[in-house]
Amino acid sequence: MKNNRFPPDYFGHSNKFLGLVEAIINQMIVSGNKVFRTVALEPNETRNERHKKAAQWDDLNIAIPTLFNFYHGIELTLKGMLSSIEALTNQCKQTHDLNFILKELKCKSKVDPEFSNFIKKYTGIENQFKPLFNSNQITGNQFYDIFKYPENKKGKQFNYNPITQQEELSLLMFKEVIDDISLFDSLRTKWWQNNQDHIL
């Protein structure tokens, strides 16, 4: 039964995170993501200030928080879908396990196989960030650990070398993220259209 309570804006929150990801990656593309640069100093500018400014969009500085925002945007979308059909349980609210949330969504709504495959692409290791996940012996479903903390729960430091200071290779990885955000948006719209009878 539909009620008059305005639901939490999970979709709006998700759009903000994913929009930020797109903006950051576009800046990374414009900057060129170079490990070494030759740049002229501006008047009254120190070499350190110039280097910091020139490298602010490089993968070394933005890769980890950008991927956290990307995965968190996906998480918010899944929770928003469940919320919109009054199926967001406390267990789902408290978890960051995207596979578990997807399973709940599939039980409570019509989920297109293409949407499921998109989520599975990023919760597994068969994506452009496979070298990172393999290096750390985890999957994308553990994004909340590897992109939020520098070490795992046993105190072992994560290795981020596969996605940092990789120049053109990193650019290709992150350009794919932008393409996939566009795809994800269309898949979310399709889910919405397929579940109109259940949405608040």
N, C-alpha and C. Protein backbone atom coordinates (compact mmCIF):
# COMPACT_ATOMS: atom_id res chain seq x y z
N MET A 1 0.84 -1.20 0.00
CA MET A 1 0.00 0.00 0.00
C MET A 1 0.87 1.25 0.00
N LYS A 2 0.58 2.20 -0.84
CA LYS A 2 1.37 3.42 -0.92
C LYS A 2 1.04 4.33 0.26
N ASN A 3 2.08 5.00 0.78
CA ASN A 3 1.83 5.93 1.87
C ASN A 3 2.28 7.32 1.47
N ASN A 4 2.02 8.28 2.35
CA ASN A 4 2.30 9.68 2.03
C ASN A 4 3.66 10.14 2.55
N ARG A 5 4.41 9.24 3.18
CA ARG A 5 5.73 9.63 3.71
C ARG A 5 6.71 9.76 2.55
N PHE A 6 7.38 10.89 2.48
CA PHE A 6 8.36 11.09 1.41
C PHE A 6 9.58 10.22 1.69
N PRO A 7 9.91 9.30 0.80
CA PRO A 7 11.01 8.36 1.07
C PRO A 7 12.38 9.04 1.03
N PRO A 8 13.35 8.46 1.72
CA PRO A 8 14.71 9.01 1.65
C PRO A 8 15.19 9.05 0.19
N ASP A 9 15.91 10.09 -0.17
CA ASP A 9 16.29 10.30 -1.57
C ASP A 9 17.58 9.54 -1.90
N TYR A 10 17.48 8.23 -1.93
CA TYR A 10 18.65 7.42 -2.28
C TYR A 10 19.11 7.68 -3.70
N PHE A 11 18.15 7.83 -4.62
CA PHE A 11 18.52 8.06 -6.02
C PHE A 11 19.22 9.40 -6.20
N GLY A 12 18.71 10.43 -5.53
CA GLY A 12 19.36 11.73 -5.63
C GLY A 12 20.77 11.70 -5.07
N HIS A 13 20.93 11.00 -3.95
CA HIS A 13 22.26 10.84 -3.34
C HIS A 13 23.19 10.10 -4.29
N SER A 14 22.67 9.03 -4.88
CA SER A 14 23.47 8.24 -5.81
C SER A 14 23.92 9.08 -7.00
N ASN A 15 23.01 9.89 -7.54
CA ASN A 15 23.36 10.73 -8.69
C ASN A 15 24.48 11.71 -8.36
N LYS A 16 24.50 12.20 -7.12
CA LYS A 16 25.54 13.13 -6.72
C LYS A 16 26.91 12.45 -6.68
N PHE A 17 26.94 11.23 -6.15
CA PHE A 17 28.21 10.50 -6.10
C PHE A 17 28.69 10.14 -7.50
N LEU A 18 27.79 9.63 -8.33
CA LEU A 18 28.17 9.23 -9.68
C LEU A 18 28.50 10.44 -10.55
N GLY A 19 27.79 11.53 -10.34
CA GLY A 19 28.11 12.76 -11.07
C GLY A 19 29.49 13.29 -10.71
N LEU A 20 29.83 13.18 -9.44
CA LEU A 20 31.16 13.60 -8.99
C LEU A 20 32.24 12.73 -9.64
N VAL A 21 31.97 11.44 -9.73
CA VAL A 21 32.91 10.51 -10.36
C VAL A 21 33.16 10.92 -11.81
N GLU A 22 32.10 11.22 -12.53
CA GLU A 22 32.26 11.63 -13.93
C GLU A 22 33.07 12.91 -14.04
N ALA A 23 32.79 13.88 -13.18
CA ALA A 23 33.50 15.17 -13.23
C ALA A 23 34.98 14.98 -12.95
N ILE A 24 35.31 14.17 -11.95
CA ILE A 24 36.70 13.94 -11.58
C ILE A 24 37.46 13.23 -12.70
N ILE A 25 36.84 12.19 -13.26
CA ILE A 25 37.51 11.45 -14.32
C ILE A 25 37.72 12.34 -15.54
N ASN A 26 36.75 13.19 -15.85
CA ASN A 26 36.93 14.12 -16.98
C ASN A 26 38.11 15.06 -16.74
N GLN A 27 38.29 15.49 -15.50
CA GLN A 27 39.45 16.33 -15.17
C GLN A 27 40.74 15.54 -15.32
N MET A 28 40.69 14.29 -14.94
CA MET A 28 41.86 13.41 -15.08
C MET A 28 42.24 13.26 -16.56
N ILE A 29 41.22 13.12 -17.41
CA ILE A 29 41.47 12.99 -18.85
C ILE A 29 42.08 14.27 -19.40
N VAL A 30 41.54 15.41 -19.01
CA VAL A 30 42.05 16.71 -19.48
C VAL A 30 43.50 16.92 -19.04
N SER A 31 43.80 16.53 -17.81
CA SER A 31 45.15 16.74 -17.27
C SER A 31 46.19 15.82 -17.91
N GLY A 32 45.74 14.70 -18.47
CA GLY A 32 46.66 13.80 -19.16
C GLY A 32 47.20 12.67 -18.31
N ASN A 33 47.04 12.75 -16.99
CA ASN A 33 47.49 11.69 -16.08
C ASN A 33 48.94 11.28 -16.31
N LYS A 34 49.83 12.24 -16.30
CA LYS A 34 51.25 11.98 -16.53
C LYS A 34 52.01 11.85 -15.21
N VAL A 35 52.92 10.89 -15.17
CA VAL A 35 53.75 10.72 -13.97
C VAL A 35 54.78 11.85 -13.90
N PHE A 36 55.38 12.18 -15.03
CA PHE A 36 56.39 13.24 -15.08
C PHE A 36 55.91 14.37 -15.99
N ARG A 37 56.10 15.60 -15.50
CA ARG A 37 55.68 16.78 -16.25
C ARG A 37 56.78 17.84 -16.23
N THR A 38 56.82 18.60 -17.31
CA THR A 38 57.66 19.80 -17.35
C THR A 38 56.71 20.99 -17.39
N VAL A 39 56.67 21.74 -16.31
CA VAL A 39 55.74 22.86 -16.23
C VAL A 39 56.48 24.13 -15.81
N ALA A 40 56.07 25.24 -16.40
CA ALA A 40 56.69 26.53 -16.06
C ALA A 40 56.07 27.08 -14.79
N LEU A 41 56.89 27.70 -13.96
CA LEU A 41 56.39 28.28 -12.72
C LEU A 41 55.72 29.62 -12.99
N GLU A 42 54.61 29.84 -12.29
CA GLU A 42 53.96 31.13 -12.33
C GLU A 42 54.70 32.10 -11.40
N PRO A 43 54.54 33.41 -11.59
CA PRO A 43 55.18 34.37 -10.69
C PRO A 43 54.79 34.11 -9.23
N ASN A 44 55.76 34.14 -8.36
CA ASN A 44 55.58 33.94 -6.92
C ASN A 44 55.07 32.54 -6.56
N GLU A 45 55.27 31.59 -7.44
CA GLU A 45 54.82 30.22 -7.21
C GLU A 45 56.02 29.32 -6.95
N THR A 46 55.94 28.50 -5.91
CA THR A 46 57.04 27.58 -5.62
C THR A 46 56.91 26.34 -6.49
N ARG A 47 58.00 25.60 -6.60
CA ARG A 47 57.99 24.38 -7.40
C ARG A 47 56.99 23.36 -6.83
N ASN A 48 56.94 23.24 -5.49
CA ASN A 48 56.01 22.31 -4.85
C ASN A 48 54.56 22.70 -5.12
N GLU A 49 54.27 23.99 -5.07
CA GLU A 49 52.90 24.46 -5.34
C GLU A 49 52.50 24.14 -6.77
N ARG A 50 53.43 24.36 -7.69
CA ARG A 50 53.13 24.12 -9.11
C ARG A 50 52.92 22.63 -9.36
N HIS A 51 53.77 21.80 -8.75
CA HIS A 51 53.64 20.35 -8.94
C HIS A 51 52.32 19.85 -8.37
N LYS A 52 51.95 20.34 -7.18
CA LYS A 52 50.69 19.93 -6.55
C LYS A 52 49.51 20.29 -7.42
N LYS A 53 49.55 21.48 -7.99
CA LYS A 53 48.46 21.93 -8.85
C LYS A 53 48.39 21.11 -10.13
N ALA A 54 49.55 20.83 -10.71
CA ALA A 54 49.60 20.10 -11.98
C ALA A 54 49.17 18.65 -11.82
N ALA A 55 49.44 18.07 -10.64
CA ALA A 55 49.18 16.64 -10.43
C ALA A 55 47.89 16.36 -9.66
N GLN A 56 47.09 17.40 -9.41
CA GLN A 56 45.93 17.20 -8.55
C GLN A 56 44.89 16.22 -9.10
N TRP A 57 44.87 16.03 -10.44
CA TRP A 57 43.90 15.11 -11.03
C TRP A 57 44.53 13.80 -11.48
N ASP A 58 45.75 13.52 -11.07
CA ASP A 58 46.41 12.29 -11.46
C ASP A 58 45.85 11.10 -10.69
N ASP A 59 45.99 9.91 -11.27
CA ASP A 59 45.44 8.71 -10.63
C ASP A 59 46.01 8.48 -9.23
N LEU A 60 47.23 8.88 -9.00
CA LEU A 60 47.83 8.71 -7.68
C LEU A 60 47.02 9.43 -6.60
N ASN A 61 46.40 10.53 -6.96
CA ASN A 61 45.65 11.34 -6.01
C ASN A 61 44.15 11.06 -6.01
N ILE A 62 43.61 10.64 -7.14
CA ILE A 62 42.15 10.54 -7.23
C ILE A 62 41.58 9.14 -7.47
N ALA A 63 42.40 8.18 -7.82
CA ALA A 63 41.89 6.86 -8.18
C ALA A 63 41.09 6.21 -7.05
N ILE A 64 41.66 6.19 -5.86
CA ILE A 64 41.02 5.47 -4.74
C ILE A 64 39.71 6.14 -4.31
N PRO A 65 39.70 7.44 -3.99
CA PRO A 65 38.42 8.04 -3.59
C PRO A 65 37.40 8.05 -4.72
N THR A 66 37.85 8.13 -5.97
CA THR A 66 36.91 8.12 -7.09
C THR A 66 36.21 6.77 -7.20
N LEU A 67 36.97 5.70 -7.04
CA LEU A 67 36.36 4.37 -7.10
C LEU A 67 35.44 4.12 -5.90
N PHE A 68 35.81 4.65 -4.75
CA PHE A 68 34.91 4.52 -3.60
C PHE A 68 33.57 5.20 -3.91
N ASN A 69 33.62 6.39 -4.46
CA ASN A 69 32.39 7.11 -4.80
C ASN A 69 31.58 6.37 -5.86
N PHE A 70 32.27 5.76 -6.81
CA PHE A 70 31.59 4.99 -7.86
C PHE A 70 30.82 3.82 -7.25
N TYR A 71 31.50 3.04 -6.45
CA TYR A 71 30.85 1.88 -5.83
C TYR A 71 29.76 2.31 -4.85
N HIS A 72 30.00 3.38 -4.13
CA HIS A 72 28.99 3.86 -3.19
C HIS A 72 27.75 4.35 -3.94
N GLY A 73 27.96 4.96 -5.10
CA GLY A 73 26.83 5.37 -5.93
C GLY A 73 25.98 4.19 -6.37
N ILE A 74 26.64 3.09 -6.72
CA ILE A 74 25.92 1.86 -7.09
C ILE A 74 25.14 1.33 -5.89
N GLU A 75 25.80 1.32 -4.73
CA GLU A 75 25.14 0.84 -3.50
C GLU A 75 23.88 1.66 -3.20
N LEU A 76 23.99 2.97 -3.30
CA LEU A 76 22.85 3.84 -3.03
C LEU A 76 21.71 3.60 -4.01
N THR A 77 22.04 3.33 -5.27
CA THR A 77 21.00 3.03 -6.25
C THR A 77 20.25 1.76 -5.88
N LEU A 78 20.98 0.71 -5.54
CA LEU A 78 20.33 -0.56 -5.17
C LEU A 78 19.43 -0.37 -3.95
N LYS A 79 19.92 0.36 -2.97
CA LYS A 79 19.11 0.60 -1.78
C LYS A 79 17.92 1.50 -2.10
N GLY A 80 18.11 2.42 -3.02
CA GLY A 80 17.00 3.28 -3.45
C GLY A 80 15.91 2.49 -4.14
N MET A 81 16.32 1.50 -4.93
CA MET A 81 15.33 0.65 -5.59
C MET A 81 14.50 -0.11 -4.57
N LEU A 82 15.17 -0.68 -3.58
CA LEU A 82 14.45 -1.41 -2.54
C LEU A 82 13.56 -0.47 -1.73
N SER A 83 14.07 0.72 -1.45
CA SER A 83 13.29 1.70 -0.69
C SER A 83 12.03 2.11 -1.45
N SER A 84 12.13 2.23 -2.75
CA SER A 84 11.00 2.70 -3.56
C SER A 84 9.87 1.68 -3.62
N ILE A 85 10.18 0.42 -3.31
CA ILE A 85 9.12 -0.60 -3.29
C ILE A 85 8.88 -1.10 -1.86
N GLU A 86 9.30 -0.30 -0.89
CA GLU A 86 9.12 -0.60 0.54
C GLU A 86 9.72 -1.96 0.93
N ALA A 87 10.89 -2.25 0.41
CA ALA A 87 11.53 -3.54 0.70
C ALA A 87 12.94 -3.38 1.25
N LEU A 88 13.29 -2.17 1.67
CA LEU A 88 14.63 -1.93 2.21
C LEU A 88 14.65 -2.29 3.70
N THR A 89 15.16 -3.46 4.01
CA THR A 89 15.21 -3.93 5.40
C THR A 89 16.39 -3.30 6.13
N ASN A 90 16.38 -3.40 7.45
CA ASN A 90 17.51 -2.90 8.24
C ASN A 90 18.80 -3.61 7.88
N GLN A 91 18.69 -4.90 7.58
CA GLN A 91 19.88 -5.67 7.19
C GLN A 91 20.50 -5.10 5.92
N CYS A 92 19.64 -4.75 4.95
CA CYS A 92 20.15 -4.16 3.71
C CYS A 92 20.71 -2.77 3.94
N LYS A 93 20.07 -2.01 4.81
CA LYS A 93 20.54 -0.66 5.12
C LYS A 93 21.96 -0.69 5.68
N GLN A 94 22.24 -1.69 6.50
CA GLN A 94 23.49 -1.72 7.25
C GLN A 94 24.63 -2.40 6.52
N THR A 95 24.33 -3.09 5.42
CA THR A 95 25.38 -3.81 4.72
C THR A 95 25.90 -3.02 3.52
N HIS A 96 27.14 -3.33 3.13
CA HIS A 96 27.71 -2.77 1.90
C HIS A 96 27.94 -3.89 0.88
N ASP A 97 27.38 -5.06 1.15
CA ASP A 97 27.52 -6.23 0.29
C ASP A 97 26.57 -6.08 -0.91
N LEU A 98 27.12 -5.66 -2.03
CA LEU A 98 26.29 -5.39 -3.20
C LEU A 98 25.62 -6.65 -3.73
N ASN A 99 26.29 -7.78 -3.63
CA ASN A 99 25.68 -9.02 -4.10
C ASN A 99 24.47 -9.39 -3.26
N PHE A 100 24.56 -9.18 -1.96
CA PHE A 100 23.43 -9.48 -1.08
C PHE A 100 22.26 -8.54 -1.38
N ILE A 101 22.55 -7.25 -1.56
CA ILE A 101 21.48 -6.29 -1.84
C ILE A 101 20.83 -6.61 -3.18
N LEU A 102 21.64 -6.98 -4.18
CA LEU A 102 21.09 -7.36 -5.48
C LEU A 102 20.19 -8.58 -5.36
N LYS A 103 20.60 -9.56 -4.56
CA LYS A 103 19.80 -10.76 -4.36
C LYS A 103 18.43 -10.39 -3.78
N GLU A 104 18.43 -9.48 -2.80
CA GLU A 104 17.17 -9.04 -2.21
C GLU A 104 16.31 -8.32 -3.25
N LEU A 105 16.95 -7.51 -4.07
CA LEU A 105 16.22 -6.77 -5.10
C LEU A 105 15.58 -7.73 -6.11
N LYS A 106 16.29 -8.77 -6.48
CA LYS A 106 15.77 -9.74 -7.44
C LYS A 106 14.60 -10.53 -6.86
N CYS A 107 14.59 -10.70 -5.54
CA CYS A 107 13.48 -11.40 -4.90
C CYS A 107 12.22 -10.54 -4.83
N LYS A 108 12.41 -9.22 -4.80
CA LYS A 108 11.27 -8.32 -4.56
C LYS A 108 10.81 -7.54 -5.78
N SER A 109 11.55 -7.65 -6.89
CA SER A 109 11.18 -6.86 -8.07
C SER A 109 11.63 -7.56 -9.35
N LYS A 110 11.27 -6.96 -10.47
CA LYS A 110 11.69 -7.47 -11.77
C LYS A 110 13.04 -6.86 -12.11
N VAL A 111 14.06 -7.71 -12.18
CA VAL A 111 15.42 -7.24 -12.45
C VAL A 111 15.88 -7.82 -13.77
N ASP A 112 16.20 -6.96 -14.72
CA ASP A 112 16.67 -7.38 -16.03
C ASP A 112 18.04 -8.05 -15.91
N PRO A 113 18.29 -9.13 -16.67
CA PRO A 113 19.60 -9.80 -16.62
C PRO A 113 20.77 -8.87 -16.90
N GLU A 114 20.56 -7.90 -17.78
CA GLU A 114 21.64 -6.96 -18.10
C GLU A 114 22.00 -6.12 -16.87
N PHE A 115 21.00 -5.77 -16.06
CA PHE A 115 21.27 -5.03 -14.83
C PHE A 115 22.06 -5.89 -13.86
N SER A 116 21.65 -7.14 -13.70
CA SER A 116 22.37 -8.06 -12.81
C SER A 116 23.81 -8.23 -13.26
N ASN A 117 24.00 -8.39 -14.57
CA ASN A 117 25.36 -8.57 -15.10
C ASN A 117 26.23 -7.35 -14.86
N PHE A 118 25.63 -6.17 -14.93
CA PHE A 118 26.39 -4.95 -14.65
C PHE A 118 26.91 -4.97 -13.21
N ILE A 119 26.03 -5.29 -12.25
CA ILE A 119 26.44 -5.32 -10.85
C ILE A 119 27.51 -6.40 -10.65
N LYS A 120 27.30 -7.56 -11.24
CA LYS A 120 28.24 -8.66 -11.07
C LYS A 120 29.61 -8.33 -11.68
N LYS A 121 29.59 -7.52 -12.73
CA LYS A 121 30.87 -7.11 -13.34
C LYS A 121 31.74 -6.41 -12.30
N TYR A 122 31.14 -5.54 -11.53
CA TYR A 122 31.92 -4.74 -10.59
C TYR A 122 32.05 -5.36 -9.20
N THR A 123 31.25 -6.37 -8.89
CA THR A 123 31.42 -7.04 -7.60
C THR A 123 32.39 -8.21 -7.71
N GLY A 124 32.67 -8.64 -8.93
CA GLY A 124 33.64 -9.71 -9.14
C GLY A 124 35.01 -9.14 -9.43
N ILE A 125 35.77 -9.87 -10.25
CA ILE A 125 37.10 -9.38 -10.63
C ILE A 125 37.25 -9.25 -12.13
N GLU A 126 36.21 -9.67 -12.88
CA GLU A 126 36.31 -9.62 -14.34
C GLU A 126 35.90 -8.24 -14.85
N ASN A 127 36.69 -7.26 -14.48
CA ASN A 127 36.49 -5.89 -14.96
C ASN A 127 37.85 -5.26 -15.16
N GLN A 128 37.86 -3.99 -15.54
CA GLN A 128 39.13 -3.34 -15.86
C GLN A 128 40.06 -3.18 -14.67
N PHE A 129 39.54 -3.38 -13.46
CA PHE A 129 40.37 -3.25 -12.26
C PHE A 129 40.83 -4.60 -11.71
N LYS A 130 40.76 -5.61 -12.55
CA LYS A 130 41.15 -6.97 -12.15
C LYS A 130 42.56 -7.03 -11.56
N PRO A 131 43.57 -6.33 -12.15
CA PRO A 131 44.91 -6.38 -11.56
C PRO A 131 44.94 -5.91 -10.10
N LEU A 132 44.13 -4.90 -9.78
CA LEU A 132 44.07 -4.40 -8.41
C LEU A 132 43.48 -5.45 -7.48
N PHE A 133 42.36 -6.02 -7.88
CA PHE A 133 41.69 -6.99 -7.02
C PHE A 133 42.52 -8.26 -6.87
N ASN A 134 43.13 -8.72 -7.96
CA ASN A 134 43.97 -9.91 -7.87
C ASN A 134 45.18 -9.68 -6.98
N SER A 135 45.76 -8.50 -7.10
CA SER A 135 46.94 -8.17 -6.30
C SER A 135 46.64 -8.21 -4.81
N ASN A 136 45.41 -7.88 -4.45
CA ASN A 136 45.03 -7.83 -3.04
C ASN A 136 44.17 -9.02 -2.60
N GLN A 137 43.99 -9.96 -3.53
CA GLN A 137 43.25 -11.20 -3.26
C GLN A 137 41.85 -10.93 -2.70
N ILE A 138 41.15 -10.00 -3.35
CA ILE A 138 39.78 -9.68 -2.97
C ILE A 138 38.95 -9.51 -4.24
N THR A 139 37.68 -9.21 -4.06
CA THR A 139 36.80 -8.92 -5.20
C THR A 139 36.27 -7.49 -5.05
N GLY A 140 35.61 -7.03 -6.09
CA GLY A 140 35.04 -5.68 -6.04
C GLY A 140 33.95 -5.55 -4.99
N ASN A 141 33.38 -6.66 -4.58
CA ASN A 141 32.33 -6.61 -3.57
C ASN A 141 32.86 -6.17 -2.21
N GLN A 142 34.18 -6.18 -2.07
CA GLN A 142 34.81 -5.71 -0.83
C GLN A 142 35.31 -4.28 -0.98
N PHE A 143 34.62 -3.52 -1.84
CA PHE A 143 35.05 -2.15 -2.12
C PHE A 143 35.13 -1.30 -0.87
N TYR A 144 34.25 -1.56 0.10
CA TYR A 144 34.19 -0.73 1.29
C TYR A 144 35.47 -0.83 2.10
N ASP A 145 36.17 -1.95 1.95
CA ASP A 145 37.44 -2.12 2.66
C ASP A 145 38.59 -1.48 1.88
N ILE A 146 38.75 -1.87 0.63
CA ILE A 146 39.95 -1.47 -0.11
C ILE A 146 39.95 0.00 -0.51
N PHE A 147 38.78 0.60 -0.70
CA PHE A 147 38.75 2.00 -1.12
C PHE A 147 38.50 2.97 0.03
N LYS A 148 38.22 2.45 1.21
CA LYS A 148 37.99 3.33 2.35
C LYS A 148 39.14 3.31 3.36
N TYR A 149 39.85 2.17 3.40
CA TYR A 149 40.93 2.02 4.38
C TYR A 149 42.22 1.59 3.68
N PRO A 150 43.37 1.96 4.22
CA PRO A 150 44.64 1.59 3.58
C PRO A 150 45.12 0.18 3.90
N GLU A 151 44.41 -0.50 4.80
CA GLU A 151 44.81 -1.85 5.18
C GLU A 151 43.56 -2.70 5.42
N ASN A 152 43.75 -4.03 5.33
CA ASN A 152 42.61 -4.91 5.58
C ASN A 152 42.42 -5.14 7.07
N LYS A 153 41.43 -5.93 7.43
CA LYS A 153 41.10 -6.12 8.84
C LYS A 153 42.18 -6.87 9.61
N LYS A 154 43.10 -7.51 8.88
CA LYS A 154 44.20 -8.21 9.53
C LYS A 154 45.46 -7.34 9.62
N GLY A 155 45.34 -6.09 9.15
CA GLY A 155 46.45 -5.16 9.23
C GLY A 155 47.40 -5.18 8.05
N LYS A 156 47.07 -5.94 7.00
CA LYS A 156 47.93 -5.98 5.81
C LYS A 156 47.57 -4.81 4.90
N GLN A 157 48.58 -4.06 4.48
CA GLN A 157 48.34 -2.89 3.64
C GLN A 157 47.91 -3.30 2.24
N PHE A 158 46.97 -2.55 1.70
CA PHE A 158 46.52 -2.79 0.34
C PHE A 158 47.56 -2.27 -0.66
N ASN A 159 47.63 -2.93 -1.79
CA ASN A 159 48.54 -2.52 -2.86
C ASN A 159 47.73 -1.82 -3.95
N TYR A 160 47.98 -0.53 -4.13
CA TYR A 160 47.24 0.26 -5.12
C TYR A 160 48.04 0.51 -6.39
N ASN A 161 49.22 -0.07 -6.49
CA ASN A 161 50.07 0.18 -7.65
C ASN A 161 49.42 -0.13 -9.00
N PRO A 162 48.56 -1.17 -9.09
CA PRO A 162 47.97 -1.47 -10.40
C PRO A 162 47.07 -0.37 -10.96
N ILE A 163 46.63 0.58 -10.12
CA ILE A 163 45.76 1.64 -10.64
C ILE A 163 46.33 3.04 -10.39
N THR A 164 47.57 3.13 -9.96
CA THR A 164 48.17 4.44 -9.73
C THR A 164 49.48 4.57 -10.50
N GLN A 165 49.74 5.77 -11.00
CA GLN A 165 50.92 6.08 -11.80
C GLN A 165 51.02 5.18 -13.03
N GLN A 166 49.86 4.90 -13.62
CA GLN A 166 49.81 4.01 -14.78
C GLN A 166 49.53 4.76 -16.08
N GLU A 167 49.45 6.08 -15.98
CA GLU A 167 49.28 6.94 -17.14
C GLU A 167 48.15 6.49 -18.07
N GLU A 168 48.45 6.13 -19.31
CA GLU A 168 47.42 5.81 -20.30
C GLU A 168 46.58 4.60 -19.89
N LEU A 169 47.19 3.62 -19.23
CA LEU A 169 46.45 2.44 -18.79
C LEU A 169 45.35 2.82 -17.82
N SER A 170 45.68 3.70 -16.87
CA SER A 170 44.66 4.16 -15.92
C SER A 170 43.57 4.96 -16.63
N LEU A 171 43.96 5.78 -17.58
CA LEU A 171 42.98 6.56 -18.32
C LEU A 171 41.95 5.65 -18.99
N LEU A 172 42.42 4.57 -19.59
CA LEU A 172 41.52 3.63 -20.24
C LEU A 172 40.57 2.99 -19.23
N MET A 173 41.11 2.63 -18.06
CA MET A 173 40.29 2.03 -17.00
C MET A 173 39.17 2.98 -16.58
N PHE A 174 39.52 4.23 -16.36
CA PHE A 174 38.55 5.19 -15.84
C PHE A 174 37.61 5.71 -16.92
N LYS A 175 38.07 5.75 -18.16
CA LYS A 175 37.15 6.10 -19.25
C LYS A 175 36.03 5.07 -19.34
N GLU A 176 36.35 3.82 -19.08
CA GLU A 176 35.33 2.76 -19.09
C GLU A 176 34.31 2.99 -17.98
N VAL A 177 34.77 3.53 -16.85
CA VAL A 177 33.84 3.85 -15.76
C VAL A 177 32.82 4.88 -16.23
N ILE A 178 33.26 5.91 -16.94
CA ILE A 178 32.34 6.92 -17.44
C ILE A 178 31.30 6.30 -18.39
N ASP A 179 31.77 5.44 -19.29
CA ASP A 179 30.85 4.76 -20.20
C ASP A 179 29.85 3.91 -19.42
N ASP A 180 30.34 3.25 -18.38
CA ASP A 180 29.47 2.37 -17.60
C ASP A 180 28.48 3.14 -16.73
N ILE A 181 28.83 4.33 -16.30
CA ILE A 181 27.86 5.16 -15.56
C ILE A 181 26.69 5.51 -16.48
N SER A 182 26.98 5.81 -17.72
CA SER A 182 25.91 6.09 -18.69
C SER A 182 25.04 4.87 -18.90
N LEU A 183 25.68 3.69 -19.02
CA LEU A 183 24.93 2.45 -19.16
C LEU A 183 24.09 2.18 -17.92
N PHE A 184 24.68 2.39 -16.75
CA PHE A 184 23.97 2.15 -15.48
C PHE A 184 22.73 3.03 -15.38
N ASP A 185 22.85 4.25 -15.84
CA ASP A 185 21.72 5.17 -15.80
C ASP A 185 20.56 4.64 -16.65
N SER A 186 20.87 4.12 -17.81
CA SER A 186 19.82 3.57 -18.68
C SER A 186 19.23 2.31 -18.08
N LEU A 187 20.04 1.51 -17.41
CA LEU A 187 19.55 0.29 -16.77
C LEU A 187 18.66 0.60 -15.57
N ARG A 188 19.00 1.66 -14.84
CA ARG A 188 18.15 2.09 -13.72
C ARG A 188 16.78 2.55 -14.23
N THR A 189 16.81 3.29 -15.33
CA THR A 189 15.56 3.77 -15.92
C THR A 189 14.69 2.61 -16.37
N LYS A 190 15.32 1.61 -16.96
CA LYS A 190 14.59 0.43 -17.43
C LYS A 190 13.97 -0.31 -16.25
N TRP A 191 14.72 -0.44 -15.14
CA TRP A 191 14.17 -1.09 -13.95
C TRP A 191 12.95 -0.32 -13.46
N TRP A 192 13.07 0.97 -13.41
CA TRP A 192 11.98 1.83 -12.95
C TRP A 192 10.73 1.60 -13.81
N GLN A 193 10.92 1.55 -15.11
CA GLN A 193 9.78 1.35 -16.02
C GLN A 193 9.15 -0.03 -15.84
N ASN A 194 9.98 -1.03 -15.56
CA ASN A 194 9.49 -2.40 -15.41
C ASN A 194 8.81 -2.66 -14.08
N ASN A 195 8.96 -1.73 -13.13
CA ASN A 195 8.44 -1.96 -11.79
C ASN A 195 7.48 -0.87 -11.33
N GLN A 196 6.85 -0.20 -12.28
CA GLN A 196 5.94 0.89 -11.95
C GLN A 196 4.80 0.46 -11.01
N ASP A 197 4.37 -0.77 -11.15
CA ASP A 197 3.26 -1.23 -10.32
C ASP A 197 3.61 -1.37 -8.85
N HIS A 198 4.91 -1.46 -8.56
CA HIS A 198 5.35 -1.69 -7.18
C HIS A 198 5.96 -0.45 -6.54
N ILE A 199 6.26 0.57 -7.33
CA ILE A 199 6.96 1.74 -6.82
C ILE A 199 6.00 2.68 -6.09
N LEU A 200 6.49 3.22 -4.95
CA LEU A 200 5.66 4.11 -4.15
C LEU A 200 5.29 5.38 -4.93
